[in-house]
Amino acid sequence: MSFEIPEPYVWDESFKVFYDNLDDEHKGLFKGIFAVAAKPPDGNALSTLVTAVDDHFKYEEGEMQKNKYADYPSHKKIHDEFLGKLRGLKAPVDDKTVHFAKNWLVQHIKTIDFQYKGKLG
């Protein structure tokens, strides 16, 4: 199942995982991708996004480990692949890559992250 990319590209209640810190961080990831989309040549926007994604993944993975989340290994692998792609980018970021990042986050939250709802304590 594929979910539509919101336009404008902002977090809304349909992305809620019901953990305040994770929802807040997800909002930040939407803002980070939006910032890169708004200014593709801005290397600082890209760097800020990569840092936000890395920090979020570390926090989310820590919560999974702390709560012995069964799907942690596969979830971490998905994170590592996406972060690796982001780290390989250079500004300016092309439209195809921006679309990929927007779509990845939407699909990831609604299919992969939603699986941990109610399981992280």
N, C-alpha and C. Protein backbone atom coordinates (compact mmCIF):
# COMPACT_ATOMS: atom_id res chain seq x y z
N MET A 1 0.84 -1.18 0.00
CA MET A 1 0.00 0.00 0.00
C MET A 1 0.89 1.24 0.00
N SER A 2 0.52 2.20 -0.80
CA SER A 2 1.28 3.43 -0.91
C SER A 2 0.42 4.59 -0.41
N PHE A 3 1.05 5.49 0.33
CA PHE A 3 0.34 6.64 0.88
C PHE A 3 0.75 7.90 0.13
N GLU A 4 -0.20 8.80 -0.03
CA GLU A 4 0.00 10.04 -0.76
C GLU A 4 0.94 10.97 0.01
N ILE A 5 1.78 11.65 -0.73
CA ILE A 5 2.68 12.65 -0.15
C ILE A 5 1.87 13.91 0.08
N PRO A 6 1.83 14.42 1.31
CA PRO A 6 1.03 15.63 1.55
C PRO A 6 1.63 16.86 0.87
N GLU A 7 0.76 17.73 0.44
CA GLU A 7 1.19 18.98 -0.16
C GLU A 7 0.33 20.09 0.41
N PRO A 8 0.82 21.05 1.12
CA PRO A 8 2.26 21.25 1.36
C PRO A 8 2.83 20.11 2.21
N TYR A 9 4.14 19.96 2.12
CA TYR A 9 4.81 18.84 2.78
C TYR A 9 5.02 19.16 4.26
N VAL A 10 4.00 18.82 5.05
CA VAL A 10 4.06 19.03 6.50
C VAL A 10 3.44 17.82 7.20
N TRP A 11 3.91 17.59 8.41
CA TRP A 11 3.37 16.54 9.27
C TRP A 11 1.93 16.89 9.63
N ASP A 12 1.06 15.88 9.69
CA ASP A 12 -0.29 16.09 10.19
C ASP A 12 -0.66 14.91 11.08
N GLU A 13 -1.83 14.97 11.66
CA GLU A 13 -2.26 13.96 12.63
C GLU A 13 -2.28 12.53 12.07
N SER A 14 -2.37 12.39 10.76
CA SER A 14 -2.40 11.05 10.18
C SER A 14 -1.06 10.32 10.34
N PHE A 15 -0.01 11.06 10.73
CA PHE A 15 1.32 10.47 10.94
C PHE A 15 1.60 10.17 12.41
N LYS A 16 0.64 10.37 13.26
CA LYS A 16 0.85 10.26 14.70
C LYS A 16 1.15 8.81 15.12
N VAL A 17 2.27 8.64 15.84
CA VAL A 17 2.62 7.32 16.37
C VAL A 17 2.29 7.23 17.86
N PHE A 18 1.82 8.32 18.43
CA PHE A 18 1.34 8.39 19.81
C PHE A 18 2.45 8.27 20.86
N TYR A 19 3.64 8.70 20.48
CA TYR A 19 4.74 8.92 21.42
C TYR A 19 5.18 10.35 21.15
N ASP A 20 4.96 11.23 22.11
CA ASP A 20 5.16 12.67 21.87
C ASP A 20 6.53 13.00 21.31
N ASN A 21 7.59 12.44 21.89
CA ASN A 21 8.95 12.75 21.42
C ASN A 21 9.14 12.31 19.97
N LEU A 22 8.65 11.12 19.64
CA LEU A 22 8.81 10.62 18.28
C LEU A 22 7.97 11.44 17.30
N ASP A 23 6.75 11.80 17.70
CA ASP A 23 5.93 12.63 16.83
C ASP A 23 6.60 13.99 16.61
N ASP A 24 7.16 14.57 17.66
CA ASP A 24 7.85 15.85 17.51
C ASP A 24 9.05 15.73 16.58
N GLU A 25 9.79 14.64 16.72
CA GLU A 25 10.94 14.45 15.84
C GLU A 25 10.51 14.22 14.39
N HIS A 26 9.42 13.48 14.21
CA HIS A 26 8.90 13.30 12.85
C HIS A 26 8.52 14.64 12.24
N LYS A 27 7.92 15.51 13.03
CA LYS A 27 7.59 16.86 12.53
C LYS A 27 8.85 17.56 12.05
N GLY A 28 9.92 17.42 12.81
CA GLY A 28 11.20 18.03 12.44
C GLY A 28 11.77 17.46 11.15
N LEU A 29 11.56 16.17 10.92
CA LEU A 29 12.05 15.57 9.67
C LEU A 29 11.28 16.12 8.47
N PHE A 30 9.96 16.28 8.64
CA PHE A 30 9.18 16.91 7.58
C PHE A 30 9.71 18.31 7.30
N LYS A 31 9.97 19.08 8.34
CA LYS A 31 10.49 20.44 8.17
C LYS A 31 11.85 20.43 7.47
N GLY A 32 12.68 19.46 7.84
CA GLY A 32 14.01 19.37 7.24
C GLY A 32 13.95 19.05 5.76
N ILE A 33 13.11 18.12 5.38
CA ILE A 33 12.96 17.80 3.96
C ILE A 33 12.34 18.97 3.22
N PHE A 34 11.37 19.63 3.83
CA PHE A 34 10.74 20.81 3.23
C PHE A 34 11.80 21.90 2.98
N ALA A 35 12.70 22.09 3.94
CA ALA A 35 13.75 23.11 3.80
C ALA A 35 14.68 22.79 2.63
N VAL A 36 15.02 21.52 2.47
CA VAL A 36 15.86 21.13 1.34
C VAL A 36 15.11 21.33 0.03
N ALA A 37 13.82 20.98 0.02
CA ALA A 37 13.01 21.16 -1.19
C ALA A 37 12.89 22.64 -1.57
N ALA A 38 12.80 23.50 -0.56
CA ALA A 38 12.65 24.94 -0.81
C ALA A 38 13.94 25.57 -1.33
N LYS A 39 15.09 25.02 -0.89
CA LYS A 39 16.39 25.59 -1.30
C LYS A 39 17.36 24.47 -1.63
N PRO A 40 17.17 23.81 -2.77
CA PRO A 40 18.04 22.68 -3.13
C PRO A 40 19.54 22.98 -3.13
N PRO A 41 19.98 24.23 -3.44
CA PRO A 41 21.42 24.48 -3.42
C PRO A 41 21.99 24.73 -2.02
N ASP A 42 21.15 24.79 -1.00
CA ASP A 42 21.59 25.14 0.35
C ASP A 42 22.20 23.93 1.07
N GLY A 43 23.51 23.89 1.09
CA GLY A 43 24.21 22.79 1.76
C GLY A 43 23.93 22.74 3.25
N ASN A 44 23.66 23.88 3.86
CA ASN A 44 23.33 23.88 5.30
C ASN A 44 22.00 23.20 5.57
N ALA A 45 21.02 23.41 4.70
CA ALA A 45 19.72 22.74 4.86
C ALA A 45 19.90 21.23 4.76
N LEU A 46 20.71 20.79 3.81
CA LEU A 46 20.97 19.36 3.66
C LEU A 46 21.69 18.81 4.88
N SER A 47 22.70 19.51 5.34
CA SER A 47 23.45 19.07 6.52
C SER A 47 22.56 19.01 7.75
N THR A 48 21.69 19.99 7.92
CA THR A 48 20.76 20.01 9.04
C THR A 48 19.81 18.82 8.96
N LEU A 49 19.34 18.51 7.76
CA LEU A 49 18.46 17.36 7.58
C LEU A 49 19.17 16.06 7.94
N VAL A 50 20.38 15.88 7.46
CA VAL A 50 21.12 14.64 7.75
C VAL A 50 21.32 14.49 9.24
N THR A 51 21.66 15.56 9.93
CA THR A 51 21.84 15.51 11.39
C THR A 51 20.53 15.17 12.09
N ALA A 52 19.44 15.80 11.66
CA ALA A 52 18.12 15.53 12.28
C ALA A 52 17.71 14.08 12.08
N VAL A 53 17.92 13.55 10.88
CA VAL A 53 17.57 12.16 10.60
C VAL A 53 18.42 11.23 11.44
N ASP A 54 19.71 11.48 11.50
CA ASP A 54 20.62 10.64 12.29
C ASP A 54 20.22 10.67 13.77
N ASP A 55 19.99 11.85 14.31
CA ASP A 55 19.60 11.97 15.72
C ASP A 55 18.28 11.26 15.98
N HIS A 56 17.32 11.44 15.08
CA HIS A 56 16.02 10.79 15.25
C HIS A 56 16.15 9.27 15.22
N PHE A 57 16.88 8.76 14.24
CA PHE A 57 17.03 7.32 14.14
C PHE A 57 17.68 6.75 15.40
N LYS A 58 18.70 7.43 15.90
CA LYS A 58 19.36 6.96 17.13
C LYS A 58 18.37 6.92 18.30
N TYR A 59 17.58 7.96 18.44
CA TYR A 59 16.60 8.00 19.53
C TYR A 59 15.55 6.91 19.37
N GLU A 60 14.98 6.81 18.18
CA GLU A 60 13.93 5.82 17.92
C GLU A 60 14.47 4.40 18.12
N GLU A 61 15.66 4.14 17.62
CA GLU A 61 16.26 2.82 17.79
C GLU A 61 16.55 2.53 19.26
N GLY A 62 16.96 3.55 20.01
CA GLY A 62 17.18 3.38 21.44
C GLY A 62 15.90 2.99 22.17
N GLU A 63 14.80 3.62 21.77
CA GLU A 63 13.50 3.27 22.37
C GLU A 63 13.13 1.83 22.02
N MET A 64 13.42 1.42 20.80
CA MET A 64 13.13 0.05 20.39
C MET A 64 13.95 -0.94 21.22
N GLN A 65 15.23 -0.66 21.37
CA GLN A 65 16.10 -1.55 22.14
C GLN A 65 15.67 -1.60 23.60
N LYS A 66 15.38 -0.45 24.17
CA LYS A 66 14.97 -0.37 25.57
C LYS A 66 13.71 -1.19 25.83
N ASN A 67 12.83 -1.22 24.84
CA ASN A 67 11.56 -1.93 24.99
C ASN A 67 11.55 -3.30 24.31
N LYS A 68 12.74 -3.75 23.94
CA LYS A 68 12.89 -5.08 23.32
C LYS A 68 11.94 -5.29 22.13
N TYR A 69 11.88 -4.29 21.28
CA TYR A 69 11.02 -4.34 20.10
C TYR A 69 11.53 -5.43 19.15
N ALA A 70 10.68 -6.38 18.84
CA ALA A 70 11.08 -7.56 18.07
C ALA A 70 11.59 -7.23 16.67
N ASP A 71 11.05 -6.22 16.02
CA ASP A 71 11.44 -5.90 14.65
C ASP A 71 12.58 -4.88 14.57
N TYR A 72 13.27 -4.68 15.70
CA TYR A 72 14.37 -3.71 15.73
C TYR A 72 15.42 -3.97 14.63
N PRO A 73 15.94 -5.18 14.46
CA PRO A 73 17.00 -5.36 13.46
C PRO A 73 16.60 -4.95 12.04
N SER A 74 15.41 -5.33 11.62
CA SER A 74 15.00 -4.97 10.25
C SER A 74 14.71 -3.48 10.16
N HIS A 75 14.16 -2.90 11.22
CA HIS A 75 13.87 -1.46 11.23
C HIS A 75 15.19 -0.68 11.14
N LYS A 76 16.18 -1.10 11.90
CA LYS A 76 17.48 -0.42 11.88
C LYS A 76 18.12 -0.51 10.50
N LYS A 77 17.99 -1.64 9.85
CA LYS A 77 18.56 -1.81 8.51
C LYS A 77 17.94 -0.81 7.54
N ILE A 78 16.64 -0.62 7.62
CA ILE A 78 15.94 0.34 6.76
C ILE A 78 16.45 1.76 7.05
N HIS A 79 16.61 2.08 8.34
CA HIS A 79 17.16 3.38 8.72
C HIS A 79 18.56 3.57 8.13
N ASP A 80 19.40 2.56 8.31
CA ASP A 80 20.79 2.68 7.86
C ASP A 80 20.88 2.91 6.36
N GLU A 81 20.02 2.24 5.60
CA GLU A 81 20.03 2.42 4.14
C GLU A 81 19.63 3.84 3.75
N PHE A 82 18.59 4.36 4.38
CA PHE A 82 18.15 5.72 4.06
C PHE A 82 19.19 6.75 4.48
N LEU A 83 19.73 6.60 5.68
CA LEU A 83 20.74 7.54 6.15
C LEU A 83 21.98 7.50 5.26
N GLY A 84 22.35 6.31 4.81
CA GLY A 84 23.48 6.19 3.89
C GLY A 84 23.24 6.97 2.61
N LYS A 85 22.03 6.90 2.07
CA LYS A 85 21.70 7.67 0.86
C LYS A 85 21.79 9.16 1.13
N LEU A 86 21.23 9.59 2.27
CA LEU A 86 21.28 11.02 2.60
C LEU A 86 22.72 11.51 2.75
N ARG A 87 23.53 10.73 3.43
CA ARG A 87 24.92 11.13 3.65
C ARG A 87 25.71 11.23 2.35
N GLY A 88 25.27 10.51 1.32
CA GLY A 88 25.95 10.55 0.03
C GLY A 88 25.54 11.72 -0.85
N LEU A 89 24.58 12.52 -0.40
CA LEU A 89 24.09 13.64 -1.21
C LEU A 89 24.99 14.86 -1.09
N LYS A 90 24.98 15.64 -2.14
CA LYS A 90 25.65 16.94 -2.16
C LYS A 90 24.64 17.95 -2.69
N ALA A 91 24.76 19.18 -2.21
CA ALA A 91 23.91 20.25 -2.73
C ALA A 91 24.48 20.70 -4.06
N PRO A 92 23.66 21.05 -5.03
CA PRO A 92 22.21 21.12 -4.96
C PRO A 92 21.57 19.73 -5.06
N VAL A 93 20.46 19.57 -4.34
CA VAL A 93 19.73 18.32 -4.35
C VAL A 93 18.69 18.39 -5.47
N ASP A 94 18.70 17.39 -6.35
CA ASP A 94 17.78 17.44 -7.49
C ASP A 94 16.35 17.07 -7.07
N ASP A 95 15.40 17.43 -7.93
CA ASP A 95 13.98 17.21 -7.65
C ASP A 95 13.65 15.74 -7.42
N LYS A 96 14.28 14.87 -8.19
CA LYS A 96 14.04 13.43 -8.05
C LYS A 96 14.42 12.95 -6.65
N THR A 97 15.53 13.44 -6.14
CA THR A 97 15.99 13.04 -4.81
C THR A 97 15.10 13.62 -3.72
N VAL A 98 14.67 14.86 -3.89
CA VAL A 98 13.74 15.47 -2.94
C VAL A 98 12.45 14.66 -2.89
N HIS A 99 11.93 14.29 -4.06
CA HIS A 99 10.71 13.49 -4.11
C HIS A 99 10.93 12.13 -3.41
N PHE A 100 12.08 11.52 -3.66
CA PHE A 100 12.41 10.26 -3.01
C PHE A 100 12.37 10.41 -1.48
N ALA A 101 13.00 11.46 -0.95
CA ALA A 101 13.05 11.66 0.50
C ALA A 101 11.66 11.92 1.06
N LYS A 102 10.88 12.75 0.38
CA LYS A 102 9.51 13.02 0.83
C LYS A 102 8.70 11.72 0.88
N ASN A 103 8.77 10.97 -0.19
CA ASN A 103 8.01 9.74 -0.28
C ASN A 103 8.50 8.71 0.75
N TRP A 104 9.81 8.61 0.91
CA TRP A 104 10.38 7.64 1.85
C TRP A 104 9.83 7.90 3.26
N LEU A 105 9.86 9.14 3.69
CA LEU A 105 9.41 9.45 5.05
C LEU A 105 7.93 9.13 5.23
N VAL A 106 7.11 9.52 4.28
CA VAL A 106 5.67 9.25 4.36
C VAL A 106 5.43 7.74 4.46
N GLN A 107 6.02 6.99 3.54
CA GLN A 107 5.79 5.55 3.51
C GLN A 107 6.37 4.88 4.76
N HIS A 108 7.55 5.32 5.19
CA HIS A 108 8.21 4.73 6.35
C HIS A 108 7.37 4.90 7.62
N ILE A 109 6.91 6.10 7.87
CA ILE A 109 6.12 6.32 9.08
C ILE A 109 4.84 5.50 9.04
N LYS A 110 4.14 5.57 7.92
CA LYS A 110 2.80 4.95 7.88
C LYS A 110 2.83 3.43 7.73
N THR A 111 3.93 2.87 7.29
CA THR A 111 3.98 1.41 7.18
C THR A 111 4.90 0.77 8.20
N ILE A 112 6.09 1.31 8.37
CA ILE A 112 7.09 0.70 9.25
C ILE A 112 6.95 1.20 10.68
N ASP A 113 6.95 2.52 10.87
CA ASP A 113 6.85 3.07 12.23
C ASP A 113 5.51 2.72 12.87
N PHE A 114 4.46 2.71 12.11
CA PHE A 114 3.14 2.39 12.68
C PHE A 114 3.12 1.00 13.31
N GLN A 115 4.03 0.14 12.92
CA GLN A 115 4.08 -1.21 13.50
C GLN A 115 4.50 -1.19 14.96
N TYR A 116 5.18 -0.14 15.41
CA TYR A 116 5.59 -0.09 16.82
C TYR A 116 4.60 0.63 17.72
N LYS A 117 3.51 1.11 17.15
CA LYS A 117 2.49 1.77 17.99
C LYS A 117 2.08 0.83 19.12
N GLY A 118 2.10 1.36 20.33
CA GLY A 118 1.67 0.59 21.49
C GLY A 118 2.70 -0.42 21.98
N LYS A 119 3.88 -0.46 21.39
CA LYS A 119 4.87 -1.46 21.75
C LYS A 119 6.13 -0.89 22.37
N LEU A 120 6.21 0.43 22.49
CA LEU A 120 7.43 1.04 23.01
C LEU A 120 7.30 1.57 24.43
N GLY A 121 6.30 1.13 25.11
CA GLY A 121 6.17 1.50 26.53
C GLY A 121 5.57 2.83 26.81
